């Protein structure tokens, strides 16, 4: 079993920056691909970014490419999402997820999920 705890969500003005953090426990963190997803009320959860084991590969949704950066620190069992030039449409609950299948994916088929952290971007 893996526990994922997100933090860092808050209210921020458009154009500002925010850094989300997700700390994992329970299994070897370095063996997991990690992803960030987000969801707004009434909409399906959508992919934001993912990073492979050993950080060799990163993928991003087109809507955040060039503004968001995903990174990981295996020594701290942590994955980060640096969000710059935030827009009101980035407002959502952001979820961290772990995938131990060996793939790095934009799909929802991750093994473990956190509880989410709210990000609100005001215009």
C-alpha atoms as a PDB file:
ATOM      1  CA  UNK A   1       0.000   0.000   0.000  1.00  0.00           C
ATOM      2  CA  UNK A   2       1.169   3.517  -0.815  1.00  0.00           C
ATOM      3  CA  UNK A   3       0.105   6.717   0.894  1.00  0.00           C
ATOM      4  CA  UNK A   4       0.349   9.960  -1.068  1.00  0.00           C
ATOM      5  CA  UNK A   5      -0.081  13.307   0.621  1.00  0.00           C
ATOM      6  CA  UNK A   6      -0.314  16.485  -1.438  1.00  0.00           C
ATOM      7  CA  UNK A   7       0.335  19.972  -0.130  1.00  0.00           C
ATOM      8  CA  UNK A   8       0.869  23.493  -1.389  1.00  0.00           C
ATOM      9  CA  UNK A   9      -2.518  24.335  -2.826  1.00  0.00           C
ATOM     10  CA  UNK A  10      -3.936  27.784  -2.054  1.00  0.00           C
ATOM     11  CA  UNK A  11      -5.488  30.891  -3.558  1.00  0.00           C
ATOM     12  CA  UNK A  12      -3.199  32.762  -5.948  1.00  0.00           C
ATOM     13  CA  UNK A  13      -3.649  35.582  -8.439  1.00  0.00           C
ATOM     14  CA  UNK A  14      -3.501  35.010 -12.165  1.00  0.00           C
ATOM     15  CA  UNK A  15       0.058  35.253 -13.441  1.00  0.00           C
ATOM     16  CA  UNK A  16       1.450  34.032 -10.158  1.00  0.00           C
ATOM     17  CA  UNK A  17       3.299  30.856  -9.233  1.00  0.00           C
ATOM     18  CA  UNK A  18       2.679  27.947  -6.933  1.00  0.00           C
ATOM     19  CA  UNK A  19       4.553  24.785  -6.091  1.00  0.00           C
ATOM     20  CA  UNK A  20       2.715  21.624  -5.191  1.00  0.00           C
ATOM     21  CA  UNK A  21       4.385  18.828  -3.307  1.00  0.00           C
ATOM     22  CA  UNK A  22       3.449  15.176  -2.936  1.00  0.00           C
ATOM     23  CA  UNK A  23       5.155  12.933  -0.399  1.00  0.00           C
ATOM     24  CA  UNK A  24       4.887   9.165  -0.669  1.00  0.00           C
ATOM     25  CA  UNK A  25       5.280   6.367   1.834  1.00  0.00           C
ATOM     26  CA  UNK A  26       4.731   2.630   1.882  1.00  0.00           C
ATOM     27  CA  UNK A  27       6.683   1.318  -1.132  1.00  0.00           C
ATOM     28  CA  UNK A  28       9.949   2.072  -2.859  1.00  0.00           C
ATOM     29  CA  UNK A  29       9.298   5.508  -4.278  1.00  0.00           C
ATOM     30  CA  UNK A  30      12.061   5.381  -6.871  1.00  0.00           C
ATOM     31  CA  UNK A  31      10.337   2.481  -8.649  1.00  0.00           C
ATOM     32  CA  UNK A  32       7.185   4.487  -9.332  1.00  0.00           C
ATOM     33  CA  UNK A  33       6.314   6.741 -12.199  1.00  0.00           C
ATOM     34  CA  UNK A  34       4.519   9.727 -10.726  1.00  0.00           C
ATOM     35  CA  UNK A  35       1.760  11.842 -12.152  1.00  0.00           C
ATOM     36  CA  UNK A  36      -0.279  14.937 -11.416  1.00  0.00           C
ATOM     37  CA  UNK A  37      -3.922  15.199 -12.403  1.00  0.00           C
ATOM     38  CA  UNK A  38      -6.592  17.797 -11.732  1.00  0.00           C
ATOM     39  CA  UNK A  39     -10.349  17.897 -11.520  1.00  0.00           C
ATOM     40  CA  UNK A  40     -13.041  20.553 -11.378  1.00  0.00           C
ATOM     41  CA  UNK A  41     -16.640  19.945 -10.275  1.00  0.00           C
ATOM     42  CA  UNK A  42     -18.712  18.175 -12.896  1.00  0.00           C
ATOM     43  CA  UNK A  43     -15.730  17.330 -15.085  1.00  0.00           C
ATOM     44  CA  UNK A  44     -13.585  14.258 -15.502  1.00  0.00           C
ATOM     45  CA  UNK A  45     -10.170  14.116 -13.927  1.00  0.00           C
ATOM     46  CA  UNK A  46      -7.589  15.296 -16.431  1.00  0.00           C
ATOM     47  CA  UNK A  47      -3.917  14.613 -16.858  1.00  0.00           C
ATOM     48  CA  UNK A  48      -1.453  17.416 -16.066  1.00  0.00           C
ATOM     49  CA  UNK A  49       2.072  15.979 -15.998  1.00  0.00           C
ATOM     50  CA  UNK A  50       4.016  12.789 -15.347  1.00  0.00           C
ATOM     51  CA  UNK A  51       7.590  11.819 -14.645  1.00  0.00           C
ATOM     52  CA  UNK A  52       9.201   8.429 -15.101  1.00  0.00           C
ATOM     53  CA  UNK A  53      11.347   6.439 -12.724  1.00  0.00           C
ATOM     54  CA  UNK A  54      14.750   8.113 -12.419  1.00  0.00           C
ATOM     55  CA  UNK A  55      13.243  11.276 -13.956  1.00  0.00           C
ATOM     56  CA  UNK A  56      14.436  10.245 -17.404  1.00  0.00           C
ATOM     57  CA  UNK A  57      11.213  11.241 -19.093  1.00  0.00           C
ATOM     58  CA  UNK A  58       8.534  13.847 -18.480  1.00  0.00           C
ATOM     59  CA  UNK A  59       5.251  14.410 -20.286  1.00  0.00           C
ATOM     60  CA  UNK A  60       2.802  17.315 -20.063  1.00  0.00           C
ATOM     61  CA  UNK A  61      -0.702  18.186 -21.100  1.00  0.00           C
ATOM     62  CA  UNK A  62      -0.717  20.742 -23.897  1.00  0.00           C
ATOM     63  CA  UNK A  63      -2.612  23.172 -21.671  1.00  0.00           C
ATOM     64  CA  UNK A  64       0.271  23.400 -19.184  1.00  0.00           C
ATOM     65  CA  UNK A  65       3.303  22.818 -21.407  1.00  0.00           C
ATOM     66  CA  UNK A  66       5.825  25.619 -20.930  1.00  0.00           C
ATOM     67  CA  UNK A  67       4.210  26.802 -17.693  1.00  0.00           C
ATOM     68  CA  UNK A  68       4.367  23.779 -15.395  1.00  0.00           C
ATOM     69  CA  UNK A  69       7.394  21.675 -14.462  1.00  0.00           C
ATOM     70  CA  UNK A  70       7.308  18.280 -12.787  1.00  0.00           C
ATOM     71  CA  UNK A  71      10.306  16.993 -10.868  1.00  0.00           C
ATOM     72  CA  UNK A  72      11.115  14.390  -8.262  1.00  0.00           C
ATOM     73  CA  UNK A  73      13.472  13.918  -5.336  1.00  0.00           C
ATOM     74  CA  UNK A  74      13.794  10.216  -4.631  1.00  0.00           C
ATOM     75  CA  UNK A  75      15.847  10.847  -1.496  1.00  0.00           C
ATOM     76  CA  UNK A  76      12.828  12.645  -0.023  1.00  0.00           C
ATOM     77  CA  UNK A  77      10.133  10.449  -1.625  1.00  0.00           C
ATOM     78  CA  UNK A  78       8.682  13.602  -3.113  1.00  0.00           C
ATOM     79  CA  UNK A  79       7.344  14.739  -6.444  1.00  0.00           C
ATOM     80  CA  UNK A  80       6.883  18.437  -7.156  1.00  0.00           C
ATOM     81  CA  UNK A  81       4.790  20.424  -9.573  1.00  0.00           C
ATOM     82  CA  UNK A  82       6.041  23.944 -10.179  1.00  0.00           C
ATOM     83  CA  UNK A  83       3.248  26.008 -11.687  1.00  0.00           C
ATOM     84  CA  UNK A  84       4.077  29.364 -13.248  1.00  0.00           C
ATOM     85  CA  UNK A  85       2.013  31.936 -15.134  1.00  0.00           C
ATOM     86  CA  UNK A  86      -1.119  30.523 -13.590  1.00  0.00           C
ATOM     87  CA  UNK A  87      -4.471  31.131 -15.236  1.00  0.00           C
ATOM     88  CA  UNK A  88      -7.992  31.054 -13.790  1.00  0.00           C
ATOM     89  CA  UNK A  89      -8.648  27.902 -15.832  1.00  0.00           C
ATOM     90  CA  UNK A  90      -5.943  26.156 -13.794  1.00  0.00           C
ATOM     91  CA  UNK A  91      -8.299  26.259 -10.816  1.00  0.00           C
ATOM     92  CA  UNK A  92      -8.947  22.677  -9.712  1.00  0.00           C
ATOM     93  CA  UNK A  93      -8.240  20.044  -7.120  1.00  0.00           C
ATOM     94  CA  UNK A  94      -4.816  18.631  -7.953  1.00  0.00           C
ATOM     95  CA  UNK A  95      -4.076  14.965  -7.326  1.00  0.00           C
ATOM     96  CA  UNK A  96      -0.815  13.115  -7.137  1.00  0.00           C
ATOM     97  CA  UNK A  97      -0.667   9.508  -8.375  1.00  0.00           C
ATOM     98  CA  UNK A  98       1.839   6.647  -8.428  1.00  0.00           C
ATOM     99  CA  UNK A  99       2.221   3.938 -11.069  1.00  0.00           C
ATOM    100  CA  UNK A 100       4.320   0.853 -10.397  1.00  0.00           C
ATOM    101  CA  UNK A 101       3.661  -0.841 -13.735  1.00  0.00           C
ATOM    102  CA  UNK A 102       6.823   0.518 -15.331  1.00  0.00           C
ATOM    103  CA  UNK A 103       5.130   2.902 -17.738  1.00  0.00           C
ATOM    104  CA  UNK A 104       4.836   6.686 -17.704  1.00  0.00           C
ATOM    105  CA  UNK A 105       1.379   7.542 -18.828  1.00  0.00           C
ATOM    106  CA  UNK A 106      -1.166  10.293 -19.256  1.00  0.00           C
ATOM    107  CA  UNK A 107      -3.982   7.841 -18.610  1.00  0.00           C
ATOM    108  CA  UNK A 108      -5.889   7.531 -15.351  1.00  0.00           C
ATOM    109  CA  UNK A 109      -4.639   3.992 -14.766  1.00  0.00           C
ATOM    110  CA  UNK A 110      -2.376   4.743 -11.840  1.00  0.00           C
ATOM    111  CA  UNK A 111      -2.151   2.390  -8.898  1.00  0.00           C
ATOM    112  CA  UNK A 112      -2.397   4.870  -6.027  1.00  0.00           C
ATOM    113  CA  UNK A 113      -3.909   8.319  -5.567  1.00  0.00           C
ATOM    114  CA  UNK A 114      -3.671  11.075  -3.008  1.00  0.00           C
ATOM    115  CA  UNK A 115      -6.588  13.000  -1.536  1.00  0.00           C
ATOM    116  CA  UNK A 116      -5.931  16.164  -3.501  1.00  0.00           C
ATOM    117  CA  UNK A 117      -5.075  19.779  -2.804  1.00  0.00           C
ATOM    118  CA  UNK A 118      -7.153  22.766  -3.915  1.00  0.00           C
ATOM    119  CA  UNK A 119      -5.625  25.349  -6.220  1.00  0.00           C
ATOM    120  CA  UNK A 120      -7.650  28.478  -6.891  1.00  0.00           C
ATOM    121  CA  UNK A 121      -6.460  31.117  -9.362  1.00  0.00           C
ATOM    122  CA  UNK A 122      -8.263  34.431  -9.194  1.00  0.00           C
ATOM    123  CA  UNK A 123      -8.527  36.748 -12.183  1.00  0.00           C
END
